[in-house]
Amino acid sequence: MQTFLSTRSIWLTDYRFLNDKKELHQGLSSFLTQLPDDQRASFKRAFRWHDMWHYQCVFSLSESPKILSQWRAYASDGTGMAIGFERIFLEHAGIILVDCRYEEHESYASELRVKHAEFLEAVHQASGQHKAENDFMDWIEGNSAGFNALCADLIALKNPAFAEEHEVRAVWSRSIREITLRTAHDLIIPYVAAKIWPDDERPTSMAVVVPEIWLGPKCNELNRIALFAMNMGLSISRHDCGYV
């Protein structure tokens, strides 16, 4: 919260460092089963190189501020706060917003095979034409947008055990040259900071990007006074669900 309000940026973390260790690759596995053998082999060869040099960074959101399990797990057992973002400003920053899919993964993967059919065929043709790995890597880099678009679709697939979170994923595909590192516990974590509101804009205008902030059920009421002091003009509510 404090980092966002002071920097006007959000941090998006490489998908391999999220809570669900099967992120993206679970979707990729379902997707690959939909492809013919020759196309599957070509895509796996290509994706291995793309995944090495490009990072699919994710910032997790929820459709609702009223899910108690979310407050317990992600807001210090209800003592924290939740930021409500205006969707259009995230998209304006170049971030793709994806609604998570918890069911019918196979049918969704089949839809993606049709949606990305032209790109998949281009990958297969390029794999046949570029036998040398260096040549193929150059082709992959020149067509990274196609891989990133497919990754954004695949990262929507999530384990049904997380369904109650109603997650919306902010996805930003960046090259390895744009990645920053931070440490947490015993990990070095790749991430990228996305600026979603200019530094030279007045604090009061921030409310168009963040129209509301929710205090958790155990959040200290003094935090409301501190937020008002920032003069951002946003709405401050409390999720009062009786959890103490």
C-alpha atoms as a PDB file:
ATOM      1  CA  MET A   1       0.000   0.000   0.000  1.00  0.00           C
ATOM      2  CA  GLN A   2       2.614   2.544   1.100  1.00  0.00           C
ATOM      3  CA  THR A   3       4.887   1.651  -1.834  1.00  0.00           C
ATOM      4  CA  PHE A   4       2.093   2.160  -4.352  1.00  0.00           C
ATOM      5  CA  LEU A   5       0.891   5.471  -2.901  1.00  0.00           C
ATOM      6  CA  SER A   6       4.419   6.902  -2.802  1.00  0.00           C
ATOM      7  CA  THR A   7       5.648   5.618  -6.189  1.00  0.00           C
ATOM      8  CA  ARG A   8       2.323   5.443  -8.096  1.00  0.00           C
ATOM      9  CA  SER A   9       3.554   2.121  -9.433  1.00  0.00           C
ATOM     10  CA  ILE A  10       2.511  -1.489  -9.023  1.00  0.00           C
ATOM     11  CA  TRP A  11       4.923  -4.402  -8.850  1.00  0.00           C
ATOM     12  CA  LEU A  12       4.249  -7.359 -11.119  1.00  0.00           C
ATOM     13  CA  THR A  13       6.031 -10.593 -10.213  1.00  0.00           C
ATOM     14  CA  ASP A  14       7.321 -13.295 -12.541  1.00  0.00           C
ATOM     15  CA  TYR A  15       4.682 -16.034 -12.689  1.00  0.00           C
ATOM     16  CA  ARG A  16       7.103 -18.732 -11.506  1.00  0.00           C
ATOM     17  CA  PHE A  17       7.292 -17.025  -8.096  1.00  0.00           C
ATOM     18  CA  LEU A  18       3.535 -16.908  -7.371  1.00  0.00           C
ATOM     19  CA  ASN A  19       1.766 -19.005  -4.735  1.00  0.00           C
ATOM     20  CA  ASP A  20       0.595 -21.635  -7.215  1.00  0.00           C
ATOM     21  CA  LYS A  21       3.821 -23.168  -8.545  1.00  0.00           C
ATOM     22  CA  LYS A  22       2.044 -24.584 -11.605  1.00  0.00           C
ATOM     23  CA  GLU A  23       1.037 -21.178 -12.973  1.00  0.00           C
ATOM     24  CA  LEU A  24       1.131 -20.927 -16.779  1.00  0.00           C
ATOM     25  CA  HIS A  25       2.678 -24.373 -17.217  1.00  0.00           C
ATOM     26  CA  GLN A  26      -0.591 -25.971 -16.117  1.00  0.00           C
ATOM     27  CA  GLY A  27      -2.352 -24.015 -18.850  1.00  0.00           C
ATOM     28  CA  LEU A  28       0.452 -24.736 -21.298  1.00  0.00           C
ATOM     29  CA  SER A  29       0.133 -28.465 -20.636  1.00  0.00           C
ATOM     30  CA  SER A  30      -3.601 -28.390 -21.384  1.00  0.00           C
ATOM     31  CA  PHE A  31      -2.938 -26.321 -24.497  1.00  0.00           C
ATOM     32  CA  LEU A  32      -0.243 -28.629 -25.880  1.00  0.00           C
ATOM     33  CA  THR A  33      -2.560 -31.627 -25.754  1.00  0.00           C
ATOM     34  CA  GLN A  34      -4.762 -29.839 -28.291  1.00  0.00           C
ATOM     35  CA  LEU A  35      -1.991 -29.603 -30.919  1.00  0.00           C
ATOM     36  CA  PRO A  36      -0.981 -32.150 -33.585  1.00  0.00           C
ATOM     37  CA  ASP A  37       2.291 -33.929 -32.811  1.00  0.00           C
ATOM     38  CA  ASP A  38       4.444 -31.982 -35.287  1.00  0.00           C
ATOM     39  CA  GLN A  39       3.043 -28.600 -34.246  1.00  0.00           C
ATOM     40  CA  ARG A  40       3.416 -29.517 -30.579  1.00  0.00           C
ATOM     41  CA  ALA A  41       7.101 -30.346 -31.007  1.00  0.00           C
ATOM     42  CA  SER A  42       7.758 -27.084 -32.854  1.00  0.00           C
ATOM     43  CA  PHE A  43       5.973 -24.994 -30.268  1.00  0.00           C
ATOM     44  CA  LYS A  44       7.726 -26.653 -27.324  1.00  0.00           C
ATOM     45  CA  ARG A  45      11.085 -25.981 -28.987  1.00  0.00           C
ATOM     46  CA  ALA A  46      10.168 -22.333 -29.531  1.00  0.00           C
ATOM     47  CA  PHE A  47       8.561 -21.728 -26.150  1.00  0.00           C
ATOM     48  CA  ARG A  48      11.603 -23.018 -24.292  1.00  0.00           C
ATOM     49  CA  TRP A  49      13.682 -20.173 -25.744  1.00  0.00           C
ATOM     50  CA  HIS A  50      10.971 -17.544 -25.399  1.00  0.00           C
ATOM     51  CA  ASP A  51      10.390 -18.434 -21.750  1.00  0.00           C
ATOM     52  CA  MET A  52      14.101 -18.073 -21.069  1.00  0.00           C
ATOM     53  CA  TRP A  53      14.362 -14.490 -22.352  1.00  0.00           C
ATOM     54  CA  HIS A  54      10.894 -13.117 -21.590  1.00  0.00           C
ATOM     55  CA  TYR A  55       9.106 -12.831 -18.275  1.00  0.00           C
ATOM     56  CA  GLN A  56       5.343 -13.009 -17.800  1.00  0.00           C
ATOM     57  CA  CYS A  57       4.857 -10.751 -14.790  1.00  0.00           C
ATOM     58  CA  VAL A  58       1.622 -10.870 -12.814  1.00  0.00           C
ATOM     59  CA  PHE A  59      -0.180  -8.626 -10.350  1.00  0.00           C
ATOM     60  CA  SER A  60      -3.133 -10.392  -8.725  1.00  0.00           C
ATOM     61  CA  LEU A  61      -6.423  -8.628  -8.074  1.00  0.00           C
ATOM     62  CA  SER A  62      -9.874  -9.736  -7.002  1.00  0.00           C
ATOM     63  CA  GLU A  63     -13.307  -8.749  -8.275  1.00  0.00           C
ATOM     64  CA  SER A  64     -14.510  -8.250  -4.686  1.00  0.00           C
ATOM     65  CA  PRO A  65     -13.137  -6.651  -1.483  1.00  0.00           C
ATOM     66  CA  LYS A  66     -15.534  -8.737   0.604  1.00  0.00           C
ATOM     67  CA  ILE A  67     -13.910 -12.184   0.590  1.00  0.00           C
ATOM     68  CA  LEU A  68     -12.813 -12.988   4.129  1.00  0.00           C
ATOM     69  CA  SER A  69     -10.276 -15.630   3.076  1.00  0.00           C
ATOM     70  CA  GLN A  70      -8.509 -12.973   0.983  1.00  0.00           C
ATOM     71  CA  TRP A  71      -8.262 -10.639   3.955  1.00  0.00           C
ATOM     72  CA  ARG A  72      -6.887 -13.428   6.098  1.00  0.00           C
ATOM     73  CA  ALA A  73      -4.323 -14.631   3.568  1.00  0.00           C
ATOM     74  CA  TYR A  74      -3.142 -11.425   1.903  1.00  0.00           C
ATOM     75  CA  ALA A  75      -3.823  -8.568   4.352  1.00  0.00           C
ATOM     76  CA  SER A  76      -2.127  -9.602   7.586  1.00  0.00           C
ATOM     77  CA  ASP A  77      -5.143 -11.478   8.915  1.00  0.00           C
ATOM     78  CA  GLY A  78      -7.519  -8.605   8.205  1.00  0.00           C
ATOM     79  CA  THR A  79      -5.415  -5.787   9.646  1.00  0.00           C
ATOM     80  CA  GLY A  80      -4.375  -4.433   6.232  1.00  0.00           C
ATOM     81  CA  MET A  81      -6.100  -2.522   3.453  1.00  0.00           C
ATOM     82  CA  ALA A  82      -7.254  -3.184  -0.119  1.00  0.00           C
ATOM     83  CA  ILE A  83      -6.848  -0.822  -3.065  1.00  0.00           C
ATOM     84  CA  GLY A  84      -9.632  -0.533  -5.637  1.00  0.00           C
ATOM     85  CA  PHE A  85      -8.197   0.187  -9.106  1.00  0.00           C
ATOM     86  CA  GLU A  86      -9.979   1.682 -12.086  1.00  0.00           C
ATOM     87  CA  ARG A  87      -9.534  -0.905 -14.836  1.00  0.00           C
ATOM     88  CA  ILE A  88      -8.995   1.508 -17.718  1.00  0.00           C
ATOM     89  CA  PHE A  89      -5.834   3.016 -16.191  1.00  0.00           C
ATOM     90  CA  LEU A  90      -4.170  -0.373 -15.807  1.00  0.00           C
ATOM     91  CA  GLU A  91      -4.957  -1.140 -19.427  1.00  0.00           C
ATOM     92  CA  HIS A  92      -3.693   2.295 -20.490  1.00  0.00           C
ATOM     93  CA  ALA A  93      -0.318   1.410 -18.952  1.00  0.00           C
ATOM     94  CA  GLY A  94      -0.108  -1.540 -21.360  1.00  0.00           C
ATOM     95  CA  ILE A  95      -1.139  -4.148 -18.797  1.00  0.00           C
ATOM     96  CA  ILE A  96      -3.459  -6.947 -19.926  1.00  0.00           C
ATOM     97  CA  LEU A  97      -6.271  -7.857 -17.520  1.00  0.00           C
ATOM     98  CA  VAL A  98      -7.316 -11.497 -17.566  1.00  0.00           C
ATOM     99  CA  ASP A  99     -10.257 -13.079 -15.733  1.00  0.00           C
ATOM    100  CA  CYS A 100      -9.122 -16.388 -14.234  1.00  0.00           C
ATOM    101  CA  ARG A 101     -10.724 -19.607 -15.456  1.00  0.00           C
ATOM    102  CA  TYR A 102     -11.149 -22.266 -12.774  1.00  0.00           C
ATOM    103  CA  GLU A 103     -13.211 -24.824 -14.681  1.00  0.00           C
ATOM    104  CA  GLU A 104     -13.396 -26.372 -18.167  1.00  0.00           C
ATOM    105  CA  HIS A 105      -9.695 -25.953 -18.841  1.00  0.00           C
ATOM    106  CA  GLU A 106      -9.664 -28.351 -21.767  1.00  0.00           C
ATOM    107  CA  SER A 107     -12.439 -26.579 -23.663  1.00  0.00           C
ATOM    108  CA  TYR A 108     -10.743 -23.223 -23.032  1.00  0.00           C
ATOM    109  CA  ALA A 109      -7.442 -24.617 -24.326  1.00  0.00           C
ATOM    110  CA  SER A 110      -9.263 -25.814 -27.424  1.00  0.00           C
ATOM    111  CA  GLU A 111     -10.631 -22.297 -27.988  1.00  0.00           C
ATOM    112  CA  LEU A 112      -7.112 -20.908 -27.723  1.00  0.00           C
ATOM    113  CA  ARG A 113      -5.843 -23.364 -30.319  1.00  0.00           C
ATOM    114  CA  VAL A 114      -8.363 -21.908 -32.779  1.00  0.00           C
ATOM    115  CA  LYS A 115      -7.717 -18.312 -31.687  1.00  0.00           C
ATOM    116  CA  HIS A 116      -3.942 -18.620 -32.170  1.00  0.00           C
ATOM    117  CA  ALA A 117      -4.010 -21.044 -35.112  1.00  0.00           C
ATOM    118  CA  GLU A 118      -2.255 -18.676 -37.528  1.00  0.00           C
ATOM    119  CA  PHE A 119       0.574 -17.971 -35.103  1.00  0.00           C
ATOM    120  CA  LEU A 120       0.988 -21.662 -34.242  1.00  0.00           C
ATOM    121  CA  GLU A 121       1.377 -22.518 -37.905  1.00  0.00           C
ATOM    122  CA  ALA A 122       3.932 -19.710 -38.314  1.00  0.00           C
ATOM    123  CA  VAL A 123       5.942 -21.168 -35.396  1.00  0.00           C
ATOM    124  CA  HIS A 124       5.826 -24.618 -36.971  1.00  0.00           C
ATOM    125  CA  GLN A 125       6.971 -23.314 -40.357  1.00  0.00           C
ATOM    126  CA  ALA A 126       9.776 -21.290 -38.775  1.00  0.00           C
ATOM    127  CA  SER A 127      10.956 -24.302 -36.780  1.00  0.00           C
ATOM    128  CA  GLY A 128      11.301 -26.236 -40.020  1.00  0.00           C
ATOM    129  CA  GLN A 129      13.107 -23.416 -41.807  1.00  0.00           C
ATOM    130  CA  HIS A 130      15.519 -22.473 -38.996  1.00  0.00           C
ATOM    131  CA  LYS A 131      17.392 -25.619 -38.026  1.00  0.00           C
ATOM    132  CA  ALA A 132      20.201 -23.703 -36.289  1.00  0.00           C
ATOM    133  CA  GLU A 133      19.182 -22.659 -32.793  1.00  0.00           C
ATOM    134  CA  ASN A 134      20.688 -19.174 -33.115  1.00  0.00           C
ATOM    135  CA  ASP A 135      18.663 -18.486 -36.268  1.00  0.00           C
ATOM    136  CA  PHE A 136      15.514 -19.822 -34.640  1.00  0.00           C
ATOM    137  CA  MET A 137      16.110 -17.708 -31.534  1.00  0.00           C
ATOM    138  CA  ASP A 138      16.309 -14.599 -33.707  1.00  0.00           C
ATOM    139  CA  TRP A 139      12.968 -15.498 -35.276  1.00  0.00           C
ATOM    140  CA  ILE A 140      11.426 -16.083 -31.842  1.00  0.00           C
ATOM    141  CA  GLU A 141      12.642 -12.693 -30.599  1.00  0.00           C
ATOM    142  CA  GLY A 142      11.189 -10.971 -33.642  1.00  0.00           C
ATOM    143  CA  ASN A 143       7.823 -12.620 -33.001  1.00  0.00           C
ATOM    144  CA  SER A 144       7.739 -12.306 -29.216  1.00  0.00           C
ATOM    145  CA  ALA A 145       4.390 -10.472 -29.331  1.00  0.00           C
ATOM    146  CA  GLY A 146       2.669 -13.632 -30.524  1.00  0.00           C
ATOM    147  CA  PHE A 147       4.126 -15.698 -27.684  1.00  0.00           C
ATOM    148  CA  ASN A 148       3.247 -13.006 -25.127  1.00  0.00           C
ATOM    149  CA  ALA A 149      -0.366 -12.829 -26.333  1.00  0.00           C
ATOM    150  CA  LEU A 150      -0.718 -16.589 -26.005  1.00  0.00           C
ATOM    151  CA  CYS A 151       0.899 -16.580 -22.562  1.00  0.00           C
ATOM    152  CA  ALA A 152      -1.554 -13.932 -21.364  1.00  0.00           C
ATOM    153  CA  ASP A 153      -4.420 -16.189 -22.420  1.00  0.00           C
ATOM    154  CA  LEU A 154      -2.891 -19.315 -20.887  1.00  0.00           C
ATOM    155  CA  ILE A 155      -2.156 -17.663 -17.550  1.00  0.00           C
ATOM    156  CA  ALA A 156      -5.907 -17.307 -17.023  1.00  0.00           C
ATOM    157  CA  LEU A 157      -6.105 -21.004 -16.187  1.00  0.00           C
ATOM    158  CA  LYS A 158      -5.938 -21.594 -12.447  1.00  0.00           C
ATOM    159  CA  ASN A 159      -6.453 -24.477 -10.048  1.00  0.00           C
ATOM    160  CA  PRO A 160     -10.149 -24.809  -9.007  1.00  0.00           C
ATOM    161  CA  ALA A 161      -9.040 -24.797  -5.350  1.00  0.00           C
ATOM    162  CA  PHE A 162      -8.547 -21.020  -5.695  1.00  0.00           C
ATOM    163  CA  ALA A 163     -11.991 -20.353  -7.209  1.00  0.00           C
ATOM    164  CA  GLU A 164     -13.382 -18.379  -4.265  1.00  0.00           C
ATOM    165  CA  GLU A 165     -10.771 -15.657  -4.849  1.00  0.00           C
ATOM    166  CA  HIS A 166     -12.490 -14.465  -8.069  1.00  0.00           C
ATOM    167  CA  GLU A 167      -9.078 -13.414  -9.325  1.00  0.00           C
ATOM    168  CA  VAL A 168      -8.368 -11.007 -12.146  1.00  0.00           C
ATOM    169  CA  ARG A 169      -4.776 -11.065 -13.301  1.00  0.00           C
ATOM    170  CA  ALA A 170      -2.842  -8.051 -14.491  1.00  0.00           C
ATOM    171  CA  VAL A 171      -0.239  -9.454 -16.897  1.00  0.00           C
ATOM    172  CA  TRP A 172       2.738  -7.551 -18.305  1.00  0.00           C
ATOM    173  CA  SER A 173       5.163  -9.341 -20.611  1.00  0.00           C
ATOM    174  CA  ARG A 174       8.691  -7.936 -20.393  1.00  0.00           C
ATOM    175  CA  SER A 175      12.093  -8.915 -21.755  1.00  0.00           C
ATOM    176  CA  ILE A 176      14.861 -10.035 -19.445  1.00  0.00           C
ATOM    177  CA  ARG A 177      16.572  -6.651 -19.913  1.00  0.00           C
ATOM    178  CA  GLU A 178      13.658  -4.886 -18.159  1.00  0.00           C
ATOM    179  CA  ILE A 179      13.511  -7.108 -15.081  1.00  0.00           C
ATOM    180  CA  THR A 180      14.441  -5.902 -11.584  1.00  0.00           C
ATOM    181  CA  LEU A 181      15.260  -8.160  -8.633  1.00  0.00           C
ATOM    182  CA  ARG A 182      14.127  -7.976  -5.017  1.00  0.00           C
ATOM    183  CA  THR A 183      14.597 -10.297  -2.071  1.00  0.00           C
ATOM    184  CA  ALA A 184      11.936 -11.826   0.174  1.00  0.00           C
ATOM    185  CA  HIS A 185      12.692 -14.454   2.791  1.00  0.00           C
ATOM    186  CA  ASP A 186      15.137 -16.840   1.086  1.00  0.00           C
ATOM    187  CA  LEU A 187      14.299 -15.910  -2.521  1.00  0.00           C
ATOM    188  CA  ILE A 188      15.596 -13.507  -5.148  1.00  0.00           C
ATOM    189  CA  ILE A 189      12.420 -12.534  -7.014  1.00  0.00           C
ATOM    190  CA  PRO A 190      12.233 -11.088 -10.554  1.00  0.00           C
ATOM    191  CA  TYR A 191       9.659  -8.322 -10.940  1.00  0.00           C
ATOM    192  CA  VAL A 192       8.879  -5.155 -12.880  1.00  0.00           C
ATOM    193  CA  ALA A 193       7.372  -1.865 -11.687  1.00  0.00           C
ATOM    194  CA  ALA A 194       4.599  -0.381 -13.844  1.00  0.00           C
ATOM    195  CA  LYS A 195       3.912   3.331 -13.429  1.00  0.00           C
ATOM    196  CA  ILE A 196       0.155   3.873 -13.688  1.00  0.00           C
ATOM    197  CA  TRP A 197      -0.065   7.559 -12.716  1.00  0.00           C
ATOM    198  CA  PRO A 198       2.483  10.331 -13.471  1.00  0.00           C
ATOM    199  CA  ASP A 199       4.477  11.846 -10.624  1.00  0.00           C
ATOM    200  CA  ASP A 200       3.636  15.389 -11.703  1.00  0.00           C
ATOM    201  CA  GLU A 201      -0.140  14.922 -11.372  1.00  0.00           C
ATOM    202  CA  ARG A 202      -1.793  16.409  -8.275  1.00  0.00           C
ATOM    203  CA  PRO A 203      -2.571  14.007  -5.390  1.00  0.00           C
ATOM    204  CA  THR A 204      -6.287  14.833  -5.626  1.00  0.00           C
ATOM    205  CA  SER A 205      -6.403  13.474  -9.181  1.00  0.00           C
ATOM    206  CA  MET A 206      -5.244  10.075  -7.949  1.00  0.00           C
ATOM    207  CA  ALA A 207      -8.879   9.209  -7.183  1.00  0.00           C
ATOM    208  CA  VAL A 208      -9.564   8.615 -10.872  1.00  0.00           C
ATOM    209  CA  VAL A 209      -7.042   5.755 -10.793  1.00  0.00           C
ATOM    210  CA  VAL A 210      -7.798   4.488  -7.275  1.00  0.00           C
ATOM    211  CA  PRO A 211     -11.410   5.481  -6.564  1.00  0.00           C
ATOM    212  CA  GLU A 212     -11.620   3.552  -3.302  1.00  0.00           C
ATOM    213  CA  ILE A 213      -9.636   1.960  -0.501  1.00  0.00           C
ATOM    214  CA  TRP A 214     -11.080  -0.659   1.839  1.00  0.00           C
ATOM    215  CA  LEU A 215      -9.943  -1.037   5.423  1.00  0.00           C
ATOM    216  CA  GLY A 216      -9.784  -4.626   6.588  1.00  0.00           C
ATOM    217  CA  PRO A 217     -12.050  -5.922   9.361  1.00  0.00           C
ATOM    218  CA  LYS A 218      -9.192  -5.592  11.893  1.00  0.00           C
ATOM    219  CA  CYS A 219      -7.585  -2.493  10.382  1.00  0.00           C
ATOM    220  CA  ASN A 220      -6.816   0.326  12.831  1.00  0.00           C
ATOM    221  CA  GLU A 221      -9.271   3.194  12.289  1.00  0.00           C
ATOM    222  CA  LEU A 222      -6.396   5.682  12.601  1.00  0.00           C
ATOM    223  CA  ASN A 223      -5.332   4.593   9.112  1.00  0.00           C
ATOM    224  CA  ARG A 224      -8.414   6.341   7.750  1.00  0.00           C
ATOM    225  CA  ILE A 225      -7.171   9.648   9.208  1.00  0.00           C
ATOM    226  CA  ALA A 226      -3.718   9.100   7.697  1.00  0.00           C
ATOM    227  CA  LEU A 227      -5.206   8.405   4.258  1.00  0.00           C
ATOM    228  CA  PHE A 228      -7.350  11.544   4.393  1.00  0.00           C
ATOM    229  CA  ALA A 229      -4.172  13.508   5.131  1.00  0.00           C
ATOM    230  CA  MET A 230      -2.820  12.459   1.728  1.00  0.00           C
ATOM    231  CA  ASN A 231      -5.598  14.539   0.131  1.00  0.00           C
ATOM    232  CA  MET A 232      -6.307  12.109  -2.703  1.00  0.00           C
ATOM    233  CA  GLY A 233     -10.076  12.532  -2.720  1.00  0.00           C
ATOM    234  CA  LEU A 234     -10.831   8.834  -2.754  1.00  0.00           C
ATOM    235  CA  SER A 235     -13.542   6.857  -0.972  1.00  0.00           C
ATOM    236  CA  ILE A 236     -12.518   4.955   2.154  1.00  0.00           C
ATOM    237  CA  SER A 237     -14.748   2.086   3.289  1.00  0.00           C
ATOM    238  CA  ARG A 238     -14.406  -0.722   5.779  1.00  0.00           C
ATOM    239  CA  HIS A 239     -15.156  -4.405   5.285  1.00  0.00           C
ATOM    240  CA  ASP A 240     -16.953  -4.915   8.569  1.00  0.00           C
ATOM    241  CA  CYS A 241     -17.876  -8.589   8.539  1.00  0.00           C
ATOM    242  CA  GLY A 242     -17.657  -9.199  12.272  1.00  0.00           C
ATOM    243  CA  TYR A 243     -14.260 -10.877  12.010  1.00  0.00           C
ATOM    244  CA  VAL A 244     -12.193  -9.993  15.094  1.00  0.00           C
END
